[in-house]
Amino acid sequence: MEARHLASLLGELADTHAVPGAQLAVYTGAETVSAVAGFECYGEPRAVDPRTPFAYGSVSKVFAATLVLQLVSDGDLELDEPVCEVLAEFRDPADARLASITPRQLLSHTSGLVADHELDDPDERSLLRYATSVARLPLLDRPGNSFSYSNTGYNILGRLVEEVTALKWRDALQDFLLRPLGVDPYIDHSPERPARPLAKGHAVRPGQRAARPVEQFLPPTWTPAGGLNGSAEELISLARLHLGTDPRTAALLEDEQRAEMRTAVAGADAFGMADAWALGLGHYGSADNRWLGHDGTVDGGTAHLRFHPESGVAVALTTNATTGSSLWPAVVGELRTLGIHVGDYEPGVPAPHPAASAADPRDLEPLVGDYGNGDTVFSIRRHHDGIRLSDRTGLVADVTVQDSLNFTARRIDTDAAPYTGRFVRDGGTGAIALLQLAGRCAKRIHAAA
């Protein structure tokens, strides 16, 4: 694979999808080929280079999970021992079931914790105080019963790391993983400023090409779940650790723990996100072409990581726009034409539900209502002849429903790929009980008035 051809490909696709700047890195099993396109900020002259840090968002969780498995490898943690054995704040929780949560459940999003718990003080930095607050919350579901994507759970893993290592989260991550691996991602809320200017995030409105810079804010207590910023090449370094092709692999992560991270967890049905879920890694693609990795979405940016244990190939893409979510599948498609059959989650875009027509709008009424997951409340309301989804953060999306009750939700404010979800009926009553969106479960609170 030629770097020049990869750069031309990325440049054309980034332009098509109105992405101001991007990095693409491909590890072929023998070498890493990199390409960059565009600018760090729309309308400014500083071009993206291979070292420009982009926000990783939730791809940061792969680093967090790797660090936890390092501690397991060292004998400092047990995957199936309740975290209350380490964290005193979980020993007398408001919901008694919380005391049984294990690291394996936190890593696989099967802990039952709410998705996105935030503290009242947005500047709070203490993971101890964060964990104490989480211990006062009710669970969404009993631990181990179902998959529901949880940033909260990964922030608790950060607290667990602090208690085991007697170090602050960022120091433990740097000392145990980042520096030994030879990478230098910038960690949000670090005392020092990043040595390399960060790529600015952008929103792109539907039908427009102009990109609007947006602020990227992450609460300090969410750093374990999504607080790393780095390059696509640095993501390839992490992938090579998991592939076992990095010369430092033996010293950093034993084969047993690498295999453990790749193994799908029973009951971790990651509908809307991936084909299965393991410990910090999603499974993507068919059973005979299974890739591992993670996706990340932040305010005005995306990141994507995939690696294939059988062939030893890895791919990473970073972008500084909401439209990075549509650039990624385009990149995947072009790489497949080059013989790199990257695995990706492809739930398909549903055809409109018959109730979307004005002829019989009553079929949509059972779906209308509010659905809650901790502090997050999704509202489904009638809009013209269909339904629209919104939440308290300003998300507004038009919903297209199938007869199967699967749906897509396409945002009205940015030109980004649609979210995938489904409505789930109660097994006893047949009434709509859950909304699953992008891997998160939300319980039906009440029907709309």
Protein backbone atom coordinates (compact mmCIF):
# COMPACT_ATOMS: atom_id res chain seq x y z
CA MET A 1 0.00 0.00 0.00
CA GLU A 2 1.43 3.36 -1.04
CA ALA A 3 1.24 6.33 1.33
CA ARG A 4 0.58 8.65 -1.61
CA HIS A 5 -2.45 6.65 -2.74
CA LEU A 6 -3.79 6.49 0.83
CA ALA A 7 -3.39 10.27 1.20
CA SER A 8 -5.24 10.88 -2.06
CA LEU A 9 -8.02 8.56 -0.99
CA LEU A 10 -8.40 10.21 2.43
CA GLY A 11 -8.32 13.71 0.95
CA GLU A 12 -11.08 12.95 -1.53
CA LEU A 13 -13.31 11.26 1.04
CA ALA A 14 -12.77 13.98 3.66
CA ASP A 15 -13.79 16.59 1.11
CA THR A 16 -16.86 14.61 0.09
CA HIS A 17 -18.01 14.32 3.71
CA ALA A 18 -17.10 17.90 4.68
CA VAL A 19 -14.52 16.85 7.29
CA PRO A 20 -12.01 19.69 7.87
CA GLY A 21 -9.18 17.43 9.05
CA ALA A 22 -8.43 13.73 9.45
CA GLN A 23 -5.71 11.11 9.94
CA LEU A 24 -5.77 7.55 8.63
CA ALA A 25 -3.22 4.92 9.62
CA VAL A 26 -3.07 1.33 8.35
CA TYR A 27 -0.81 -1.34 9.81
CA THR A 28 -0.40 -4.03 7.16
CA GLY A 29 1.27 -6.56 9.44
CA ALA A 30 4.68 -5.42 8.23
CA GLU A 31 4.56 -1.61 8.24
CA THR A 32 2.38 1.35 9.19
CA VAL A 33 1.21 3.54 6.31
CA SER A 34 -0.19 6.94 7.30
CA ALA A 35 -2.13 9.69 5.58
CA VAL A 36 -3.41 13.08 6.67
CA ALA A 37 -5.88 15.51 5.17
CA GLY A 38 -7.04 19.04 5.79
CA PHE A 39 -6.60 21.43 8.67
CA GLU A 40 -6.71 21.38 12.45
CA CYS A 41 -9.34 24.12 12.44
CA TYR A 42 -11.68 25.15 9.63
CA GLY A 43 -10.61 28.40 8.02
CA GLU A 44 -7.17 28.44 9.66
CA PRO A 45 -3.85 27.61 7.97
CA ARG A 46 -2.37 24.98 10.33
CA ALA A 47 -2.46 21.69 8.44
CA VAL A 48 -3.00 18.32 10.08
CA ASP A 49 0.22 16.32 10.43
CA PRO A 50 0.75 12.73 11.62
CA ARG A 51 1.36 13.89 15.21
CA THR A 52 -1.69 16.18 15.56
CA PRO A 53 -3.76 15.05 18.57
CA PHE A 54 -7.44 14.43 17.91
CA ALA A 55 -10.03 13.69 20.60
CA TYR A 56 -10.35 9.91 20.98
CA GLY A 57 -13.63 10.04 22.88
CA SER A 58 -14.66 6.54 23.89
CA VAL A 59 -11.72 4.89 22.11
CA SER A 60 -10.00 5.99 25.35
CA LYS A 61 -11.79 3.04 26.95
CA VAL A 62 -9.48 0.60 25.16
CA PHE A 63 -6.53 2.21 26.97
CA ALA A 64 -8.46 2.06 30.26
CA ALA A 65 -9.37 -1.60 29.76
CA THR A 66 -5.79 -2.47 28.83
CA LEU A 67 -4.52 -0.87 32.03
CA VAL A 68 -7.03 -2.85 34.10
CA LEU A 69 -5.95 -6.09 32.43
CA GLN A 70 -2.33 -5.19 33.18
CA LEU A 71 -3.26 -5.05 36.86
CA VAL A 72 -5.04 -8.38 36.51
CA SER A 73 -1.91 -9.80 34.89
CA ASP A 74 0.15 -8.55 37.83
CA GLY A 75 -2.22 -10.19 40.32
CA ASP A 76 -3.43 -6.86 41.73
CA LEU A 77 -7.04 -7.31 40.56
CA GLU A 78 -9.43 -10.20 39.98
CA LEU A 79 -11.90 -9.87 37.12
CA ASP A 80 -14.70 -11.67 38.97
CA GLU A 81 -14.16 -10.33 42.49
CA PRO A 82 -16.70 -7.67 43.52
CA VAL A 83 -15.17 -4.22 43.35
CA CYS A 84 -16.49 -3.54 46.86
CA GLU A 85 -13.59 -5.71 48.05
CA VAL A 86 -11.36 -2.83 46.91
CA LEU A 87 -13.64 0.21 47.02
CA ALA A 88 -15.03 0.99 50.46
CA GLU A 89 -17.60 3.39 48.96
CA PHE A 90 -19.38 0.42 47.32
CA ARG A 91 -19.76 -1.64 50.50
CA ASP A 92 -23.04 -0.10 51.64
CA PRO A 93 -24.68 1.25 48.47
CA ALA A 94 -28.20 2.59 48.13
CA ASP A 95 -28.99 -0.33 45.80
CA ALA A 96 -27.64 -3.46 47.49
CA ARG A 97 -27.07 -5.15 44.11
CA LEU A 98 -24.32 -2.65 43.34
CA ALA A 99 -22.04 -4.33 45.89
CA SER A 100 -21.80 -7.41 43.64
CA ILE A 101 -20.51 -5.58 40.54
CA THR A 102 -17.23 -6.97 39.20
CA PRO A 103 -14.47 -5.55 36.98
CA ARG A 104 -15.54 -7.94 34.21
CA GLN A 105 -19.04 -6.47 34.26
CA LEU A 106 -17.71 -2.90 34.25
CA LEU A 107 -15.42 -3.67 31.32
CA SER A 108 -18.21 -5.33 29.30
CA HIS A 109 -20.98 -2.79 30.08
CA THR A 110 -23.03 -5.45 31.87
CA SER A 111 -22.80 -3.88 35.35
CA GLY A 112 -26.30 -2.41 35.34
CA LEU A 113 -24.94 1.08 36.06
CA VAL A 114 -26.51 4.11 34.43
CA ALA A 115 -24.85 5.42 31.28
CA ASP A 116 -23.77 8.98 31.95
CA HIS A 117 -23.75 10.03 35.60
CA GLU A 118 -22.39 13.52 36.22
CA LEU A 119 -21.68 15.35 39.47
CA ASP A 120 -23.36 18.64 40.33
CA ASP A 121 -19.96 20.36 40.29
CA PRO A 122 -18.72 20.14 36.67
CA ASP A 123 -15.16 20.96 37.80
CA GLU A 124 -14.92 18.19 40.41
CA ARG A 125 -11.78 16.10 39.86
CA SER A 126 -12.03 13.47 42.61
CA LEU A 127 -12.87 9.97 41.38
CA LEU A 128 -13.43 9.03 45.02
CA ARG A 129 -16.23 11.58 45.30
CA TYR A 130 -17.53 10.45 41.91
CA ALA A 131 -17.68 6.80 43.03
CA THR A 132 -19.33 7.81 46.31
CA SER A 133 -22.03 9.60 44.31
CA VAL A 134 -22.54 6.58 42.03
CA ALA A 135 -23.02 4.38 45.11
CA ARG A 136 -26.13 6.42 45.96
CA LEU A 137 -27.82 5.66 42.62
CA PRO A 138 -30.30 2.91 41.75
CA LEU A 139 -29.14 0.40 39.16
CA LEU A 140 -30.70 0.25 35.71
CA ASP A 141 -30.61 -3.57 35.81
CA ARG A 142 -29.12 -6.29 37.97
CA PRO A 143 -25.36 -6.84 37.38
CA GLY A 144 -24.59 -9.32 34.63
CA ASN A 145 -28.12 -9.42 33.22
CA SER A 146 -27.87 -7.19 30.15
CA PHE A 147 -25.68 -4.88 28.09
CA SER A 148 -26.09 -1.14 28.46
CA TYR A 149 -23.19 1.08 27.47
CA SER A 150 -21.92 2.95 30.52
CA ASN A 151 -19.40 5.77 30.73
CA THR A 152 -20.14 5.66 34.46
CA GLY A 153 -18.73 2.15 34.67
CA TYR A 154 -15.42 3.15 33.11
CA ASN A 155 -15.06 6.09 35.46
CA ILE A 156 -15.50 3.59 38.31
CA LEU A 157 -12.72 1.50 36.73
CA GLY A 158 -10.56 4.62 36.93
CA ARG A 159 -11.32 4.87 40.64
CA LEU A 160 -10.50 1.18 41.02
CA VAL A 161 -7.11 1.73 39.37
CA GLU A 162 -6.38 4.62 41.73
CA GLU A 163 -7.10 2.53 44.79
CA VAL A 164 -5.04 -0.45 43.61
CA THR A 165 -2.00 1.55 42.45
CA ALA A 166 -2.13 4.39 45.01
CA LEU A 167 -1.70 6.76 42.04
CA LYS A 168 -3.95 9.30 40.38
CA TRP A 169 -5.66 7.89 37.28
CA ARG A 170 -3.61 9.87 34.78
CA ASP A 171 -0.32 8.98 36.51
CA ALA A 172 -1.16 5.28 36.60
CA LEU A 173 -2.10 5.31 32.92
CA GLN A 174 1.11 7.07 31.96
CA ASP A 175 3.40 4.99 34.19
CA PHE A 176 1.96 1.55 33.44
CA LEU A 177 0.90 1.85 29.80
CA LEU A 178 1.53 5.02 27.81
CA ARG A 179 5.22 5.68 28.46
CA PRO A 180 6.23 1.98 28.29
CA LEU A 181 4.34 1.68 24.99
CA GLY A 182 6.18 4.72 23.66
CA VAL A 183 3.09 6.85 22.99
CA ASP A 184 2.22 10.27 24.32
CA PRO A 185 -1.52 10.99 24.05
CA TYR A 186 -2.62 14.12 25.90
CA ILE A 187 -4.92 13.36 28.84
CA ASP A 188 -7.72 15.87 29.42
CA HIS A 189 -7.36 17.95 32.58
CA SER A 190 -3.65 17.23 32.90
CA PRO A 191 -1.78 19.94 34.84
CA GLU A 192 0.51 20.63 31.89
CA ARG A 193 -0.59 21.93 28.52
CA PRO A 194 -0.32 19.58 25.53
CA ALA A 195 2.98 19.80 23.70
CA ARG A 196 1.10 19.55 20.40
CA PRO A 197 -1.94 21.79 19.61
CA LEU A 198 -5.17 19.79 19.65
CA ALA A 199 -7.35 19.56 16.56
CA LYS A 200 -10.49 21.66 17.01
CA GLY A 201 -13.87 19.94 16.89
CA HIS A 202 -16.49 21.03 14.33
CA ALA A 203 -20.21 20.63 13.69
CA VAL A 204 -21.46 20.41 10.11
CA ARG A 205 -25.13 21.12 9.49
CA PRO A 206 -27.13 18.98 7.05
CA GLY A 207 -26.79 20.13 3.47
CA GLN A 208 -23.96 22.52 4.26
CA ARG A 209 -20.21 22.25 3.82
CA ALA A 210 -19.12 24.99 6.21
CA ALA A 211 -17.85 23.58 9.50
CA ARG A 212 -18.55 25.43 12.75
CA PRO A 213 -15.91 25.08 15.51
CA VAL A 214 -17.36 23.74 18.77
CA GLU A 215 -15.97 23.44 22.27
CA GLN A 216 -15.16 19.94 23.46
CA PHE A 217 -15.92 19.65 27.17
CA LEU A 218 -15.47 16.53 29.28
CA PRO A 219 -15.98 16.57 33.06
CA PRO A 220 -12.66 15.79 34.82
CA THR A 221 -14.28 12.75 36.46
CA TRP A 222 -15.02 11.33 33.00
CA THR A 223 -11.39 11.19 31.93
CA PRO A 224 -11.12 7.36 32.22
CA ALA A 225 -14.15 6.95 29.93
CA GLY A 226 -13.17 9.38 27.22
CA GLY A 227 -10.37 11.79 28.05
CA LEU A 228 -7.48 10.90 25.75
CA ASN A 229 -6.38 12.90 22.70
CA GLY A 230 -3.82 11.54 20.27
CA SER A 231 -3.00 10.54 16.73
CA ALA A 232 -4.14 7.67 14.54
CA GLU A 233 -0.58 6.30 14.59
CA GLU A 234 -0.71 6.11 18.39
CA LEU A 235 -3.91 4.08 18.12
CA ILE A 236 -2.04 1.72 15.82
CA SER A 237 0.61 1.30 18.54
CA LEU A 238 -2.13 0.23 20.96
CA ALA A 239 -3.56 -2.16 18.38
CA ARG A 240 -0.13 -3.71 17.82
CA LEU A 241 0.13 -4.36 21.56
CA HIS A 242 -3.10 -6.35 21.34
CA LEU A 243 -1.99 -8.08 18.15
CA GLY A 244 1.24 -9.10 19.86
CA THR A 245 3.40 -7.56 17.13
CA ASP A 246 4.80 -4.72 19.22
CA PRO A 247 8.24 -5.70 20.61
CA ARG A 248 7.15 -4.49 24.06
CA THR A 249 4.10 -6.78 24.22
CA ALA A 250 5.61 -9.45 26.46
CA ALA A 251 6.63 -6.88 29.06
CA LEU A 252 3.29 -5.04 29.04
CA LEU A 253 0.45 -7.55 28.68
CA GLU A 254 0.54 -11.32 28.97
CA ASP A 255 -1.01 -13.54 26.29
CA GLU A 256 -3.67 -14.77 28.74
CA GLN A 257 -4.94 -11.25 29.39
CA ARG A 258 -4.81 -10.29 25.69
CA ALA A 259 -6.97 -13.32 24.94
CA GLU A 260 -9.29 -12.46 27.82
CA MET A 261 -9.85 -8.97 26.44
CA ARG A 262 -10.81 -10.39 23.03
CA THR A 263 -13.32 -12.97 24.30
CA ALA A 264 -16.97 -12.01 23.86
CA VAL A 265 -18.92 -11.83 27.12
CA ALA A 266 -22.10 -13.91 27.32
CA GLY A 267 -25.16 -11.67 27.50
CA ALA A 268 -23.34 -8.59 26.22
CA ASP A 269 -25.75 -7.90 23.35
CA ALA A 270 -24.35 -4.64 22.02
CA PHE A 271 -27.25 -3.93 19.67
CA GLY A 272 -26.80 -0.59 17.96
CA MET A 273 -23.03 -0.55 18.52
CA ALA A 274 -21.33 -3.82 17.62
CA ASP A 275 -21.91 -7.48 16.81
CA ALA A 276 -20.72 -8.55 20.29
CA TRP A 277 -18.75 -7.12 23.20
CA ALA A 278 -15.70 -8.28 25.09
CA LEU A 279 -13.59 -6.55 27.79
CA GLY A 280 -13.15 -3.03 26.47
CA LEU A 281 -13.36 -4.16 22.86
CA GLY A 282 -16.27 -4.47 20.46
CA HIS A 283 -16.57 -7.29 17.94
CA TYR A 284 -17.25 -6.12 14.38
CA GLY A 285 -18.07 -8.06 11.23
CA SER A 286 -19.10 -11.61 10.49
CA ALA A 287 -17.95 -14.62 12.49
CA ASP A 288 -15.46 -15.57 9.76
CA ASN A 289 -14.08 -12.01 9.51
CA ARG A 290 -14.21 -10.74 13.09
CA TRP A 291 -12.40 -7.50 13.84
CA LEU A 292 -11.94 -5.94 17.27
CA GLY A 293 -11.87 -2.30 18.28
CA HIS A 294 -13.89 0.68 19.44
CA ASP A 295 -15.50 3.87 18.14
CA GLY A 296 -15.50 7.28 19.77
CA THR A 297 -17.74 10.30 19.31
CA VAL A 298 -17.19 13.66 20.99
CA ASP A 299 -18.47 17.18 20.47
CA GLY A 300 -17.29 17.83 16.94
CA GLY A 301 -15.13 14.77 16.32
CA THR A 302 -14.84 11.00 15.91
CA ALA A 303 -12.24 8.27 16.29
CA HIS A 304 -12.27 4.67 15.09
CA LEU A 305 -9.97 1.72 15.79
CA ARG A 306 -10.08 -1.78 14.30
CA PHE A 307 -7.62 -4.68 14.35
CA HIS A 308 -7.75 -8.24 13.04
CA PRO A 309 -5.94 -10.83 15.17
CA GLU A 310 -5.79 -13.46 12.41
CA SER A 311 -4.12 -11.30 9.75
CA GLY A 312 -2.35 -8.85 12.08
CA VAL A 313 -3.85 -5.84 10.24
CA ALA A 314 -5.01 -2.68 12.05
CA VAL A 315 -6.77 0.52 10.93
CA ALA A 316 -7.27 3.82 12.78
CA LEU A 317 -9.11 6.98 11.72
CA THR A 318 -9.35 10.28 13.61
CA THR A 319 -11.46 13.26 12.51
CA ASN A 320 -12.37 16.71 13.76
CA ALA A 321 -16.02 16.88 12.65
CA THR A 322 -19.38 15.33 13.38
CA THR A 323 -19.33 14.10 9.77
CA GLY A 324 -16.47 11.78 10.70
CA SER A 325 -19.22 9.26 11.49
CA SER A 326 -20.10 9.15 7.77
CA LEU A 327 -16.47 9.36 6.63
CA TRP A 328 -15.61 6.16 8.53
CA PRO A 329 -17.90 3.76 6.59
CA ALA A 330 -16.72 5.39 3.35
CA VAL A 331 -13.11 4.69 4.35
CA VAL A 332 -14.04 1.11 5.28
CA GLY A 333 -15.64 0.63 1.86
CA GLU A 334 -12.60 1.95 -0.02
CA LEU A 335 -10.18 -0.15 2.03
CA ARG A 336 -12.20 -3.23 1.17
CA THR A 337 -11.68 -2.50 -2.51
CA LEU A 338 -7.95 -2.53 -1.74
CA GLY A 339 -8.19 -5.98 -0.16
CA ILE A 340 -8.38 -4.89 3.50
CA HIS A 341 -11.77 -6.22 4.56
CA VAL A 342 -12.28 -4.15 7.69
CA GLY A 343 -15.05 -5.45 9.92
CA ASP A 344 -17.73 -2.95 10.83
CA TYR A 345 -21.14 -3.05 12.46
CA GLU A 346 -23.79 -2.88 9.76
CA PRO A 347 -27.29 -3.06 11.22
CA GLY A 348 -28.79 -1.56 8.08
CA VAL A 349 -31.02 1.47 7.69
CA PRO A 350 -34.67 0.46 8.15
CA ALA A 351 -37.37 1.16 5.64
CA PRO A 352 -40.11 3.43 6.97
CA HIS A 353 -42.71 1.87 9.23
CA PRO A 354 -46.18 1.83 7.65
CA ALA A 355 -47.30 4.12 10.47
CA ALA A 356 -45.02 6.84 9.11
CA SER A 357 -47.71 7.59 6.55
CA ALA A 358 -50.62 9.81 7.41
CA ALA A 359 -53.01 6.93 6.70
CA ASP A 360 -52.71 5.28 10.12
CA PRO A 361 -50.63 7.34 12.54
CA ARG A 362 -52.15 5.53 15.54
CA ASP A 363 -49.60 2.71 15.18
CA LEU A 364 -46.92 5.03 16.53
CA GLU A 365 -48.81 6.03 19.68
CA PRO A 366 -47.58 3.07 21.80
CA LEU A 367 -43.99 4.27 21.27
CA VAL A 368 -44.60 7.84 22.43
CA GLY A 369 -43.35 8.65 25.92
CA ASP A 370 -40.26 9.21 28.08
CA TYR A 371 -37.46 6.69 28.63
CA GLY A 372 -34.91 7.12 31.41
CA ASN A 373 -31.34 6.00 32.11
CA GLY A 374 -30.10 7.81 35.20
CA ASP A 375 -29.81 11.52 34.46
CA THR A 376 -30.56 10.90 30.78
CA VAL A 377 -34.16 11.06 29.60
CA PHE A 378 -35.09 10.38 25.98
CA SER A 379 -38.44 11.79 24.87
CA ILE A 380 -40.35 10.32 21.94
CA ARG A 381 -43.02 12.65 20.60
CA ARG A 382 -45.26 12.86 17.55
CA HIS A 383 -43.91 15.16 14.84
CA HIS A 384 -46.03 15.70 11.74
CA ASP A 385 -46.79 12.18 10.46
CA GLY A 386 -43.94 10.49 12.31
CA ILE A 387 -42.06 10.65 15.62
CA ARG A 388 -39.05 12.59 16.86
CA LEU A 389 -36.54 11.81 19.60
CA SER A 390 -34.96 14.41 21.90
CA ASP A 391 -33.08 14.66 25.17
CA ARG A 392 -32.06 17.40 27.60
CA THR A 393 -28.68 17.98 25.94
CA GLY A 394 -30.22 19.42 22.79
CA LEU A 395 -30.24 16.21 20.75
CA VAL A 396 -33.15 16.22 18.29
CA ALA A 397 -33.50 13.41 15.77
CA ASP A 398 -36.13 12.17 13.34
CA VAL A 399 -36.97 8.51 13.92
CA THR A 400 -37.62 5.95 11.19
CA VAL A 401 -39.21 2.73 12.51
CA GLN A 402 -39.43 -0.79 11.09
CA ASP A 403 -42.18 -3.32 11.72
CA SER A 404 -39.63 -5.13 13.92
CA LEU A 405 -39.48 -2.00 16.14
CA ASN A 406 -35.87 -1.44 15.14
CA PHE A 407 -35.25 2.17 14.17
CA THR A 408 -32.75 4.77 13.09
CA ALA A 409 -32.55 8.28 14.57
CA ARG A 410 -31.03 10.94 12.33
CA ARG A 411 -30.04 14.23 13.97
CA ILE A 412 -31.59 17.35 12.46
CA ASP A 413 -28.72 19.69 13.43
CA THR A 414 -25.66 17.94 12.02
CA ASP A 415 -24.94 15.86 8.94
CA ALA A 416 -23.85 12.70 10.74
CA ALA A 417 -24.59 9.00 10.34
CA PRO A 418 -27.85 7.95 12.05
CA TYR A 419 -27.99 6.19 15.41
CA THR A 420 -29.42 2.67 15.47
CA GLY A 421 -31.90 1.56 18.12
CA ARG A 422 -34.95 -0.50 18.91
CA PHE A 423 -38.02 -0.49 21.09
CA VAL A 424 -38.42 -3.59 23.30
CA ARG A 425 -41.68 -5.02 24.60
CA ASP A 426 -42.22 -6.36 28.12
CA GLY A 427 -42.22 -10.15 27.96
CA GLY A 428 -45.31 -10.39 30.16
CA THR A 429 -47.57 -7.54 29.13
CA GLY A 430 -46.41 -6.89 25.58
CA ALA A 431 -46.25 -3.17 26.29
CA ILE A 432 -43.23 -1.12 25.17
CA ALA A 433 -40.81 -1.27 28.12
CA LEU A 434 -37.37 -0.20 26.85
CA LEU A 435 -35.72 2.01 24.31
CA GLN A 436 -32.25 0.88 23.21
CA LEU A 437 -30.23 3.57 21.44
CA ALA A 438 -26.59 3.29 20.36
CA GLY A 439 -26.03 0.51 22.87
CA ARG A 440 -27.74 2.22 25.81
CA CYS A 441 -30.92 0.95 27.47
CA ALA A 442 -33.52 3.37 28.84
CA LYS A 443 -36.58 2.25 30.78
CA ARG A 444 -39.97 3.60 29.86
CA ILE A 445 -40.91 6.13 32.52
CA HIS A 446 -44.39 7.05 31.34
CA ALA A 447 -46.40 7.68 28.23
CA ALA A 448 -46.61 11.22 26.97
CA ALA A 449 -49.61 13.18 28.11
